[in-house]
């Protein structure tokens, strides 16, 4: 054996060596018994010094508590608990209530967007604006923003653009955006745009990195409705993300509201708005991006439908 051995109930290496008199008899089921014969190679602690030598001990029996069998027994107990807990579900319930498997999105970097979840509805993949329309005064509904290198960029004076299709019910929207690397202007004149989801307040897009402005007008604020909880902005020219959770208003059979609409915003993975009860009265909505005159860029825009359990009316 090449394990370190200790005296006086001290621990060395991966074994705890205990004289049999100090062990609870119930614990013996978990502890293997090992005989150390004379000449067995081991490290021995003598007078505080570690001495590699051959033991000159005859038929001394120690109980070794090793990590492997100890945790193996714990795993068995944990498995028994899991099986017991699963007994609350019958096979039909397990089949009906099992969550759907979704491939999660990839990690977004400055050089490339993250992969899209397997259940997402893609509105912009970096190739064209065929799923978008503009608001040109001449009647042409084409989106006239510039598309290049996998992103779209606001073209000043062409107007805001919006998705041709809407998403019905509760949903998650993902938008990646980037303010100009060259800093021009300040306050609201610096990298300004906005995200509008049908029926909800504007989620402000702004270069808020070391750029002071009024609190309910900075990035990830609900413009003039709700101040962002924190400033999670990255620097100019850096790609940023919004993940926006939209919960639509729910009504009971009597027409009374049993769950108000709400909006939650994550800015670069940080919660900046949480279940703010603003908007959400419409049953569906698309996405609109604002032309505020600054060359803000957008990419990797998708949405996911959410199946959120309905709140039961009180008394039911």
Protein backbone atom coordinates (compact mmCIF):
# COMPACT_ATOMS: atom_id res chain seq x y z
CA UNK A 1 0.00 0.00 0.00
CA UNK A 2 1.23 3.48 -0.83
CA UNK A 3 -1.24 5.43 1.30
CA UNK A 4 -0.13 7.76 4.05
CA UNK A 5 -0.87 6.37 7.55
CA UNK A 6 -1.36 8.50 10.63
CA UNK A 7 -1.38 7.97 14.36
CA UNK A 8 -3.71 9.31 17.07
CA UNK A 9 -6.72 9.63 14.76
CA UNK A 10 -5.02 12.11 12.43
CA UNK A 11 -5.83 12.35 8.72
CA UNK A 12 -3.24 11.87 5.99
CA UNK A 13 -3.76 11.31 2.28
CA UNK A 14 -7.17 9.85 1.41
CA UNK A 15 -7.67 7.72 4.56
CA UNK A 16 -8.81 8.35 8.08
CA UNK A 17 -7.37 5.69 10.44
CA UNK A 18 -9.27 5.03 13.61
CA UNK A 19 -8.81 2.46 16.38
CA UNK A 20 -11.84 0.19 16.50
CA UNK A 21 -12.82 1.44 19.99
CA UNK A 22 -13.57 4.93 18.67
CA UNK A 23 -16.02 3.94 15.93
CA UNK A 24 -19.76 3.85 16.22
CA UNK A 25 -20.86 0.28 15.47
CA UNK A 26 -23.52 1.60 13.07
CA UNK A 27 -20.79 3.26 11.01
CA UNK A 28 -18.93 -0.01 10.52
CA UNK A 29 -21.24 -0.83 7.63
CA UNK A 30 -19.63 1.99 5.67
CA UNK A 31 -16.00 1.32 6.69
CA UNK A 32 -13.92 -1.44 5.06
CA UNK A 33 -11.56 -3.39 7.30
CA UNK A 34 -8.00 -3.71 6.09
CA UNK A 35 -5.09 -5.64 7.60
CA UNK A 36 -1.65 -4.07 7.35
CA UNK A 37 0.88 -6.90 7.35
CA UNK A 38 4.51 -6.58 8.32
CA UNK A 39 6.56 -5.14 5.48
CA UNK A 40 3.63 -3.38 3.77
CA UNK A 41 5.02 -0.23 2.21
CA UNK A 42 3.41 2.92 3.57
CA UNK A 43 4.18 6.44 4.76
CA UNK A 44 4.22 6.74 8.56
CA UNK A 45 4.03 9.91 10.65
CA UNK A 46 6.49 9.77 13.56
CA UNK A 47 7.09 12.73 15.86
CA UNK A 48 5.54 15.12 13.38
CA UNK A 49 7.79 13.91 10.53
CA UNK A 50 6.63 11.97 7.48
CA UNK A 51 8.76 8.85 7.12
CA UNK A 52 8.62 6.58 4.06
CA UNK A 53 9.55 3.15 5.39
CA UNK A 54 8.38 -0.43 5.86
CA UNK A 55 6.04 -0.99 8.78
CA UNK A 56 7.42 -3.32 11.39
CA UNK A 57 3.97 -3.96 12.78
CA UNK A 58 2.56 -7.48 13.10
CA UNK A 59 -1.13 -8.11 12.45
CA UNK A 60 -2.24 -4.64 13.58
CA UNK A 61 -5.79 -4.09 12.36
CA UNK A 62 -7.09 -0.67 11.48
CA UNK A 63 -10.40 0.52 10.17
CA UNK A 64 -9.93 2.69 7.11
CA UNK A 65 -12.57 5.19 6.16
CA UNK A 66 -11.99 5.82 2.45
CA UNK A 67 -13.71 8.50 0.43
CA UNK A 68 -14.84 6.19 -2.38
CA UNK A 69 -17.03 3.72 -0.47
CA UNK A 70 -18.31 6.48 1.81
CA UNK A 71 -19.65 8.59 -1.05
CA UNK A 72 -20.81 5.51 -2.91
CA UNK A 73 -23.14 4.75 -0.01
CA UNK A 74 -24.32 8.37 0.06
CA UNK A 75 -25.14 8.14 -3.66
CA UNK A 76 -27.28 5.08 -3.01
CA UNK A 77 -29.20 6.96 -0.32
CA UNK A 78 -29.68 9.96 -2.61
CA UNK A 79 -30.93 7.71 -5.40
CA UNK A 80 -33.45 6.16 -3.04
CA UNK A 81 -34.72 9.62 -2.11
CA UNK A 82 -35.09 10.56 -5.80
CA UNK A 83 -36.99 7.38 -6.59
CA UNK A 84 -39.24 7.90 -3.59
CA UNK A 85 -39.92 11.52 -4.56
CA UNK A 86 -40.76 10.48 -8.12
CA UNK A 87 -43.56 8.36 -6.69
CA UNK A 88 -45.69 11.50 -6.51
CA UNK A 89 -46.00 11.33 -10.31
CA UNK A 90 -47.72 8.59 -12.28
CA UNK A 91 -46.45 7.64 -15.72
CA UNK A 92 -49.12 9.61 -17.56
CA UNK A 93 -48.36 12.76 -15.56
CA UNK A 94 -44.63 12.42 -16.20
CA UNK A 95 -45.31 12.05 -19.92
CA UNK A 96 -47.65 15.04 -20.08
CA UNK A 97 -45.69 17.39 -17.81
CA UNK A 98 -42.14 16.61 -18.95
CA UNK A 99 -40.50 19.91 -20.05
CA UNK A 100 -39.63 20.26 -23.71
CA UNK A 101 -35.96 20.00 -24.62
CA UNK A 102 -34.54 23.23 -26.03
CA UNK A 103 -31.02 23.75 -27.31
CA UNK A 104 -29.91 26.92 -25.46
CA UNK A 105 -28.42 29.95 -27.23
CA UNK A 106 -24.69 30.23 -27.69
CA UNK A 107 -22.50 32.85 -26.05
CA UNK A 108 -22.44 36.23 -27.80
CA UNK A 109 -19.08 37.91 -28.38
CA UNK A 110 -18.02 41.11 -30.13
CA UNK A 111 -16.86 39.07 -33.10
CA UNK A 112 -20.00 36.98 -33.58
CA UNK A 113 -23.55 36.58 -32.27
CA UNK A 114 -24.62 33.65 -30.18
CA UNK A 115 -26.44 30.68 -31.69
CA UNK A 116 -30.24 30.80 -31.76
CA UNK A 117 -32.27 28.53 -29.43
CA UNK A 118 -33.85 25.57 -31.19
CA UNK A 119 -37.42 26.81 -30.56
CA UNK A 120 -36.85 30.44 -31.56
CA UNK A 121 -38.59 32.44 -34.28
CA UNK A 122 -35.80 34.25 -36.12
CA UNK A 123 -36.52 37.80 -37.27
CA UNK A 124 -33.03 38.83 -38.30
CA UNK A 125 -30.12 36.50 -39.01
CA UNK A 126 -27.75 39.02 -40.55
CA UNK A 127 -28.67 38.40 -44.19
CA UNK A 128 -31.57 40.63 -45.20
CA UNK A 129 -34.59 42.63 -44.03
CA UNK A 130 -37.25 40.53 -45.74
CA UNK A 131 -39.07 40.06 -42.42
CA UNK A 132 -39.16 43.80 -41.76
CA UNK A 133 -41.06 46.76 -43.13
CA UNK A 134 -40.56 50.50 -43.02
CA UNK A 135 -42.82 53.48 -42.60
CA UNK A 136 -41.86 55.50 -45.61
CA UNK A 137 -44.21 58.32 -46.56
CA UNK A 138 -44.13 57.29 -50.23
CA UNK A 139 -46.10 54.14 -49.49
CA UNK A 140 -43.19 51.78 -50.01
CA UNK A 141 -43.14 49.46 -46.98
CA UNK A 142 -39.62 48.15 -47.54
CA UNK A 143 -37.12 48.54 -44.68
CA UNK A 144 -34.36 50.84 -45.92
CA UNK A 145 -31.71 50.34 -43.28
CA UNK A 146 -28.28 49.14 -44.30
CA UNK A 147 -27.37 45.46 -43.97
CA UNK A 148 -23.72 44.40 -43.98
CA UNK A 149 -21.31 42.06 -42.15
CA UNK A 150 -24.16 40.29 -40.35
CA UNK A 151 -25.82 43.37 -38.84
CA UNK A 152 -28.34 46.06 -39.79
CA UNK A 153 -27.59 49.73 -39.21
CA UNK A 154 -29.90 52.72 -38.86
CA UNK A 155 -29.84 55.00 -41.90
CA UNK A 156 -30.66 58.48 -40.72
CA UNK A 157 -33.95 59.81 -42.03
CA UNK A 158 -35.29 56.48 -43.37
CA UNK A 159 -37.58 56.03 -40.40
CA UNK A 160 -38.20 53.28 -37.89
CA UNK A 161 -38.70 49.69 -39.01
CA UNK A 162 -40.86 46.89 -37.62
CA UNK A 163 -41.35 43.15 -38.00
CA UNK A 164 -43.93 42.05 -40.56
CA UNK A 165 -45.22 39.34 -38.24
CA UNK A 166 -46.26 39.45 -34.61
CA UNK A 167 -45.79 37.01 -31.74
CA UNK A 168 -48.93 36.04 -29.90
CA UNK A 169 -49.09 35.65 -26.14
CA UNK A 170 -46.28 35.61 -23.59
CA UNK A 171 -42.84 35.69 -25.16
CA UNK A 172 -39.12 36.34 -24.85
CA UNK A 173 -37.38 38.70 -27.26
CA UNK A 174 -33.62 38.72 -27.81
CA UNK A 175 -31.97 41.74 -29.43
CA UNK A 176 -28.25 42.47 -29.83
CA UNK A 177 -27.22 46.06 -30.41
CA UNK A 178 -24.13 48.24 -30.67
CA UNK A 179 -23.65 52.00 -30.43
CA UNK A 180 -21.00 53.71 -32.59
CA UNK A 181 -17.39 53.14 -31.60
CA UNK A 182 -16.66 56.81 -32.36
CA UNK A 183 -18.22 58.83 -29.58
CA UNK A 184 -20.19 61.85 -30.75
CA UNK A 185 -22.52 63.97 -28.66
CA UNK A 186 -23.66 63.38 -25.11
CA UNK A 187 -26.76 62.57 -23.09
CA UNK A 188 -29.62 61.64 -25.46
CA UNK A 189 -27.58 62.57 -28.53
CA UNK A 190 -25.15 59.68 -28.14
CA UNK A 191 -26.00 56.30 -29.70
CA UNK A 192 -29.76 56.75 -29.33
CA UNK A 193 -32.38 54.31 -30.59
CA UNK A 194 -35.18 52.30 -29.03
CA UNK A 195 -36.87 48.90 -28.90
CA UNK A 196 -40.67 48.85 -29.03
CA UNK A 197 -42.56 45.61 -28.43
CA UNK A 198 -46.25 45.88 -29.31
CA UNK A 199 -48.24 47.11 -26.37
CA UNK A 200 -45.29 47.89 -24.07
CA UNK A 201 -43.26 51.03 -23.32
CA UNK A 202 -40.05 51.73 -25.22
CA UNK A 203 -36.93 49.99 -23.94
CA UNK A 204 -34.34 52.71 -24.40
CA UNK A 205 -31.22 52.06 -26.46
CA UNK A 206 -28.45 54.53 -25.65
CA UNK A 207 -24.70 54.73 -25.15
CA UNK A 208 -24.91 54.97 -21.36
CA UNK A 209 -21.26 54.11 -20.74
CA UNK A 210 -19.87 57.10 -18.81
CA UNK A 211 -22.59 59.21 -20.37
CA UNK A 212 -24.89 60.96 -17.92
CA UNK A 213 -28.52 61.60 -18.76
CA UNK A 214 -31.87 61.67 -16.98
CA UNK A 215 -32.42 58.34 -15.16
CA UNK A 216 -35.54 57.13 -16.99
CA UNK A 217 -33.89 57.88 -20.32
CA UNK A 218 -30.74 55.81 -20.08
CA UNK A 219 -30.12 52.37 -21.58
CA UNK A 220 -32.61 49.65 -20.52
CA UNK A 221 -34.94 52.13 -18.84
CA UNK A 222 -38.58 51.97 -19.90
CA UNK A 223 -38.50 55.41 -21.43
CA UNK A 224 -40.09 57.92 -19.05
CA UNK A 225 -41.88 55.04 -17.29
CA UNK A 226 -39.39 53.08 -15.20
CA UNK A 227 -35.75 53.76 -14.29
CA UNK A 228 -33.34 50.91 -14.93
CA UNK A 229 -32.32 49.10 -11.73
CA UNK A 230 -28.62 49.36 -12.60
CA UNK A 231 -26.42 50.64 -15.41
CA UNK A 232 -25.09 47.47 -17.06
CA UNK A 233 -23.79 49.18 -20.19
CA UNK A 234 -20.71 48.15 -22.12
CA UNK A 235 -18.48 50.68 -23.86
CA UNK A 236 -18.98 52.32 -27.26
CA UNK A 237 -18.56 49.92 -30.17
CA UNK A 238 -19.20 46.86 -27.97
CA UNK A 239 -22.07 44.50 -28.71
CA UNK A 240 -24.74 44.39 -26.03
CA UNK A 241 -27.80 42.22 -25.45
CA UNK A 242 -31.38 42.69 -24.39
CA UNK A 243 -33.52 39.78 -23.31
CA UNK A 244 -37.04 41.03 -22.77
CA UNK A 245 -39.76 38.91 -21.15
CA UNK A 246 -43.28 40.02 -22.02
CA UNK A 247 -46.22 38.69 -20.01
CA UNK A 248 -49.62 39.54 -21.48
CA UNK A 249 -52.59 40.52 -19.38
CA UNK A 250 -54.85 37.59 -18.39
CA UNK A 251 -58.57 37.78 -17.62
CA UNK A 252 -60.94 35.38 -15.96
CA UNK A 253 -64.24 34.11 -17.36
CA UNK A 254 -65.99 37.14 -15.88
CA UNK A 255 -63.72 39.52 -17.80
CA UNK A 256 -61.88 40.73 -14.74
CA UNK A 257 -58.08 40.96 -14.82
CA UNK A 258 -56.51 38.13 -12.82
CA UNK A 259 -52.94 38.78 -13.98
CA UNK A 260 -51.72 42.19 -15.17
CA UNK A 261 -49.33 42.50 -18.07
CA UNK A 262 -45.66 42.97 -17.18
CA UNK A 263 -42.23 43.36 -18.71
CA UNK A 264 -38.83 42.16 -17.50
CA UNK A 265 -35.55 43.25 -19.09
CA UNK A 266 -32.08 41.71 -18.86
CA UNK A 267 -29.30 43.97 -20.14
CA UNK A 268 -26.11 42.03 -20.86
CA UNK A 269 -27.45 39.24 -18.65
CA UNK A 270 -28.24 41.58 -15.74
CA UNK A 271 -31.83 42.15 -14.59
CA UNK A 272 -32.58 45.84 -15.09
CA UNK A 273 -36.41 45.77 -15.09
CA UNK A 274 -38.33 43.13 -13.15
CA UNK A 275 -42.01 42.38 -13.74
CA UNK A 276 -42.86 46.04 -14.25
CA UNK A 277 -46.62 46.29 -14.69
CA UNK A 278 -46.66 48.49 -17.74
CA UNK A 279 -48.47 47.53 -20.96
CA UNK A 280 -49.31 44.00 -22.03
CA UNK A 281 -53.01 44.59 -22.71
CA UNK A 282 -52.72 43.53 -26.36
CA UNK A 283 -52.82 39.79 -27.05
CA UNK A 284 -49.90 39.93 -29.48
CA UNK A 285 -47.22 42.28 -30.74
CA UNK A 286 -44.31 42.67 -33.08
CA UNK A 287 -40.98 44.47 -32.64
CA UNK A 288 -40.09 47.96 -33.83
CA UNK A 289 -36.63 49.59 -33.91
CA UNK A 290 -36.28 53.36 -33.82
CA UNK A 291 -34.47 55.69 -36.18
CA UNK A 292 -33.25 58.45 -33.84
CA UNK A 293 -30.64 59.72 -36.25
CA UNK A 294 -27.67 57.78 -34.83
CA UNK A 295 -25.99 54.85 -36.70
CA UNK A 296 -26.87 52.19 -34.12
CA UNK A 297 -26.45 48.57 -35.20
CA UNK A 298 -28.62 45.52 -34.51
CA UNK A 299 -28.16 41.79 -35.07
CA UNK A 300 -29.37 38.33 -33.99
CA UNK A 301 -33.01 39.18 -33.29
CA UNK A 302 -35.31 36.32 -32.32
CA UNK A 303 -38.30 35.54 -30.15
CA UNK A 304 -39.57 32.53 -28.21
CA UNK A 305 -43.15 31.83 -27.24
CA UNK A 306 -43.54 31.16 -23.52
CA UNK A 307 -46.05 28.87 -21.89
CA UNK A 308 -46.57 30.58 -18.54
CA UNK A 309 -49.05 28.94 -16.12
CA UNK A 310 -52.19 31.01 -15.78
CA UNK A 311 -53.04 32.40 -12.39
CA UNK A 312 -56.29 30.90 -11.10
CA UNK A 313 -58.95 33.37 -9.99
CA UNK A 314 -59.20 33.73 -6.22
CA UNK A 315 -61.67 31.32 -4.61
CA UNK A 316 -60.98 28.50 -7.09
